[in-house]
Amino acid sequence: MQPIETIRLFDAFLSERGLRFDAVVVGGTILNLLGIVSRPTKDCDVVSPTIPPSIADASRVFASETRARGEALADDWLNNGPISIIDVLPAGWKFGSRLRSRARPSRYAAWAEATSS
C-alpha cells in the first residue's frame, strides 16, 4: 500500500460513514507520513489506541473494496501489531511530542504538535 494515499482514502471512507479514527502509528507508515521515506508498506501499525471494532470492521470493508478495484490491500492492513511497545515506553509518553495528522481533500498533511503535561 502507498500509506499517504491509503490513509487519505480510508479517512474519506470513514467520514462517509460518520466514523473517525485518530491514532498513534509507527513503522513504515509514519516514516512515509513524515516524508522520511517514500515507499510502499504492507500495513499501518497502530500503537494507540486499541482499534475499536467499528473501525476494524470498516478497515476490512475498505480493504475488500480496494481489492475489488484491483489494488492489493490485506484485510489486516490496519492493526495493533506493535501495541506491546507501550509496555516499554517511558511514563508519560502520550504527553510528549506527538504526531497529529488530518486528511485534506487534495493531500495528506502531517505535523508535529508539542503538548505539555
C-alpha atoms as a PDB file:
ATOM      1  CA  MET A   1       0.000   0.000   0.000  1.00  0.00           C
ATOM      2  CA  GLN A   2       1.020   3.591  -0.515  1.00  0.00           C
ATOM      3  CA  PRO A   3       0.460   4.880   3.045  1.00  0.00           C
ATOM      4  CA  ILE A   4      -0.345   8.524   2.331  1.00  0.00           C
ATOM      5  CA  GLU A   5      -2.912   7.728  -0.363  1.00  0.00           C
ATOM      6  CA  THR A   6      -4.385   4.759   1.524  1.00  0.00           C
ATOM      7  CA  ILE A   7      -4.874   6.746   4.712  1.00  0.00           C
ATOM      8  CA  ARG A   8      -6.369   9.684   2.795  1.00  0.00           C
ATOM      9  CA  LEU A   9      -8.858   7.362   1.107  1.00  0.00           C
ATOM     10  CA  PHE A  10      -9.629   5.494   4.333  1.00  0.00           C
ATOM     11  CA  ASP A  11     -10.230   8.780   6.137  1.00  0.00           C
ATOM     12  CA  ALA A  12     -12.773   9.752   3.458  1.00  0.00           C
ATOM     13  CA  PHE A  13     -14.303   6.248   3.647  1.00  0.00           C
ATOM     14  CA  LEU A  14     -14.752   6.626   7.423  1.00  0.00           C
ATOM     15  CA  SER A  15     -16.147  10.139   7.089  1.00  0.00           C
ATOM     16  CA  GLU A  16     -18.798   8.947   4.606  1.00  0.00           C
ATOM     17  CA  ARG A  17     -19.934   6.501   7.287  1.00  0.00           C
ATOM     18  CA  GLY A  18     -19.927   9.018  10.129  1.00  0.00           C
ATOM     19  CA  LEU A  19     -16.775   7.499  11.658  1.00  0.00           C
ATOM     20  CA  ARG A  20     -13.469   8.992  12.722  1.00  0.00           C
ATOM     21  CA  PHE A  21     -10.244   7.430  13.982  1.00  0.00           C
ATOM     22  CA  ASP A  22      -7.203   9.239  15.383  1.00  0.00           C
ATOM     23  CA  ALA A  23      -4.214   7.062  16.208  1.00  0.00           C
ATOM     24  CA  VAL A  24      -0.529   6.946  17.016  1.00  0.00           C
ATOM     25  CA  VAL A  25       1.215   4.950  14.276  1.00  0.00           C
ATOM     26  CA  VAL A  26       4.740   3.609  13.902  1.00  0.00           C
ATOM     27  CA  GLY A  27       6.832   1.847  11.290  1.00  0.00           C
ATOM     28  CA  GLY A  28       6.800   2.424   7.557  1.00  0.00           C
ATOM     29  CA  THR A  29       3.550   4.366   7.636  1.00  0.00           C
ATOM     30  CA  ILE A  30       4.847   7.107   9.914  1.00  0.00           C
ATOM     31  CA  LEU A  31       8.126   7.288   8.005  1.00  0.00           C
ATOM     32  CA  ASN A  32       6.120   7.945   4.827  1.00  0.00           C
ATOM     33  CA  LEU A  33       3.843  10.494   6.517  1.00  0.00           C
ATOM     34  CA  LEU A  34       6.856  12.409   7.817  1.00  0.00           C
ATOM     35  CA  GLY A  35       8.469  12.366   4.380  1.00  0.00           C
ATOM     36  CA  ILE A  36      11.489  10.374   5.573  1.00  0.00           C
ATOM     37  CA  VAL A  37      10.850   7.624   3.039  1.00  0.00           C
ATOM     38  CA  SER A  38       8.593   7.239   0.041  1.00  0.00           C
ATOM     39  CA  ARG A  39       7.841   3.578  -0.414  1.00  0.00           C
ATOM     40  CA  PRO A  40       5.003   1.094  -0.122  1.00  0.00           C
ATOM     41  CA  THR A  41       4.402  -0.710   3.149  1.00  0.00           C
ATOM     42  CA  LYS A  42       2.202  -3.712   3.832  1.00  0.00           C
ATOM     43  CA  ASP A  43       0.258  -2.265   6.747  1.00  0.00           C
ATOM     44  CA  CYS A  44      -0.412   0.560   9.176  1.00  0.00           C
ATOM     45  CA  ASP A  45       0.840  -0.252  12.679  1.00  0.00           C
ATOM     46  CA  VAL A  46      -1.269   1.438  15.377  1.00  0.00           C
ATOM     47  CA  VAL A  47       0.157   1.561  18.912  1.00  0.00           C
ATOM     48  CA  SER A  48      -2.592   3.648  20.452  1.00  0.00           C
ATOM     49  CA  PRO A  49      -5.499   3.337  20.896  1.00  0.00           C
ATOM     50  CA  THR A  50      -6.698  -0.211  20.562  1.00  0.00           C
ATOM     51  CA  ILE A  51      -8.609  -0.219  17.278  1.00  0.00           C
ATOM     52  CA  PRO A  52     -12.349  -0.225  18.079  1.00  0.00           C
ATOM     53  CA  PRO A  53     -14.495  -2.940  16.465  1.00  0.00           C
ATOM     54  CA  SER A  54     -16.348  -0.398  14.301  1.00  0.00           C
ATOM     55  CA  ILE A  55     -13.058   0.856  12.821  1.00  0.00           C
ATOM     56  CA  ALA A  56     -11.647  -2.661  12.428  1.00  0.00           C
ATOM     57  CA  ASP A  57     -14.815  -3.702  10.573  1.00  0.00           C
ATOM     58  CA  ALA A  58     -14.665  -0.610   8.381  1.00  0.00           C
ATOM     59  CA  SER A  59     -10.991  -1.242   7.572  1.00  0.00           C
ATOM     60  CA  ARG A  60     -11.824  -4.755   6.348  1.00  0.00           C
ATOM     61  CA  VAL A  61     -14.656  -3.479   4.136  1.00  0.00           C
ATOM     62  CA  PHE A  62     -12.313  -0.767   2.821  1.00  0.00           C
ATOM     63  CA  ALA A  63      -9.665  -3.422   2.055  1.00  0.00           C
ATOM     64  CA  SER A  64     -12.228  -5.554   0.220  1.00  0.00           C
ATOM     65  CA  GLU A  65     -13.393  -2.608  -1.885  1.00  0.00           C
ATOM     66  CA  THR A  66      -9.767  -1.663  -2.593  1.00  0.00           C
ATOM     67  CA  ARG A  67      -9.021  -5.202  -3.819  1.00  0.00           C
ATOM     68  CA  ALA A  68     -12.155  -5.090  -5.992  1.00  0.00           C
ATOM     69  CA  ARG A  69     -10.570  -2.105  -7.767  1.00  0.00           C
ATOM     70  CA  GLY A  70      -7.503  -4.252  -8.479  1.00  0.00           C
ATOM     71  CA  GLU A  71      -5.228  -2.907  -5.760  1.00  0.00           C
ATOM     72  CA  ALA A  72      -3.586  -5.113  -3.130  1.00  0.00           C
ATOM     73  CA  LEU A  73      -4.611  -4.451   0.488  1.00  0.00           C
ATOM     74  CA  ALA A  74      -4.806  -7.148   3.155  1.00  0.00           C
ATOM     75  CA  ASP A  75      -7.789  -7.329   5.491  1.00  0.00           C
ATOM     76  CA  ASP A  76      -5.456  -6.695   8.433  1.00  0.00           C
ATOM     77  CA  TRP A  77      -3.718  -3.670   6.886  1.00  0.00           C
ATOM     78  CA  LEU A  78      -4.804  -1.556   9.886  1.00  0.00           C
ATOM     79  CA  ASN A  79      -3.650  -3.347  13.009  1.00  0.00           C
ATOM     80  CA  ASN A  80      -2.435  -3.130  16.593  1.00  0.00           C
ATOM     81  CA  GLY A  81       0.513  -5.461  15.901  1.00  0.00           C
ATOM     82  CA  PRO A  82       3.089  -3.374  17.791  1.00  0.00           C
ATOM     83  CA  ILE A  83       0.811  -2.349  20.673  1.00  0.00           C
ATOM     84  CA  SER A  84       3.031  -4.163  23.188  1.00  0.00           C
ATOM     85  CA  ILE A  85       5.636  -1.417  22.686  1.00  0.00           C
ATOM     86  CA  ILE A  86       3.535   0.674  25.073  1.00  0.00           C
ATOM     87  CA  ASP A  87       4.806  -1.539  27.916  1.00  0.00           C
ATOM     88  CA  VAL A  88       8.381  -0.315  27.405  1.00  0.00           C
ATOM     89  CA  LEU A  89       7.767   3.350  26.607  1.00  0.00           C
ATOM     90  CA  PRO A  90       8.675   5.880  29.298  1.00  0.00           C
ATOM     91  CA  ALA A  91       5.966   7.053  31.666  1.00  0.00           C
ATOM     92  CA  GLY A  92       4.037   9.979  30.244  1.00  0.00           C
ATOM     93  CA  TRP A  93       4.920   9.195  26.608  1.00  0.00           C
ATOM     94  CA  LYS A  94       1.462  10.307  25.490  1.00  0.00           C
ATOM     95  CA  PHE A  95       2.096  13.769  26.891  1.00  0.00           C
ATOM     96  CA  GLY A  96       5.306  14.481  24.970  1.00  0.00           C
ATOM     97  CA  SER A  97       5.574  15.475  21.336  1.00  0.00           C
ATOM     98  CA  ARG A  98       3.063  13.649  19.214  1.00  0.00           C
ATOM     99  CA  LEU A  99       2.283  13.445  15.568  1.00  0.00           C
ATOM    100  CA  ARG A 100      -1.098  14.753  14.529  1.00  0.00           C
ATOM    101  CA  SER A 101      -2.496  14.174  11.088  1.00  0.00           C
ATOM    102  CA  ARG A 102      -5.546  15.255   9.170  1.00  0.00           C
ATOM    103  CA  ALA A 103      -6.762  14.307   5.742  1.00  0.00           C
ATOM    104  CA  ARG A 104      -7.313  17.107   3.262  1.00  0.00           C
ATOM    105  CA  PRO A 105      -9.276  16.768   0.015  1.00  0.00           C
ATOM    106  CA  SER A 106      -6.172  17.140  -2.138  1.00  0.00           C
ATOM    107  CA  ARG A 107      -3.356  15.899   0.116  1.00  0.00           C
ATOM    108  CA  TYR A 108      -2.472  14.295   3.403  1.00  0.00           C
ATOM    109  CA  ALA A 109      -0.720  16.576   5.848  1.00  0.00           C
ATOM    110  CA  ALA A 110       1.154  15.530   8.944  1.00  0.00           C
ATOM    111  CA  TRP A 111       2.682  17.793  11.515  1.00  0.00           C
ATOM    112  CA  ALA A 112       4.168  17.604  14.986  1.00  0.00           C
ATOM    113  CA  GLU A 113       2.388  19.297  17.805  1.00  0.00           C
ATOM    114  CA  ALA A 114       4.150  19.823  21.101  1.00  0.00           C
ATOM    115  CA  THR A 115       1.936  19.148  24.087  1.00  0.00           C
ATOM    116  CA  SER A 116       2.657  19.633  27.748  1.00  0.00           C
ATOM    117  CA  SER A 117       1.562  17.730  30.820  1.00  0.00           C
END
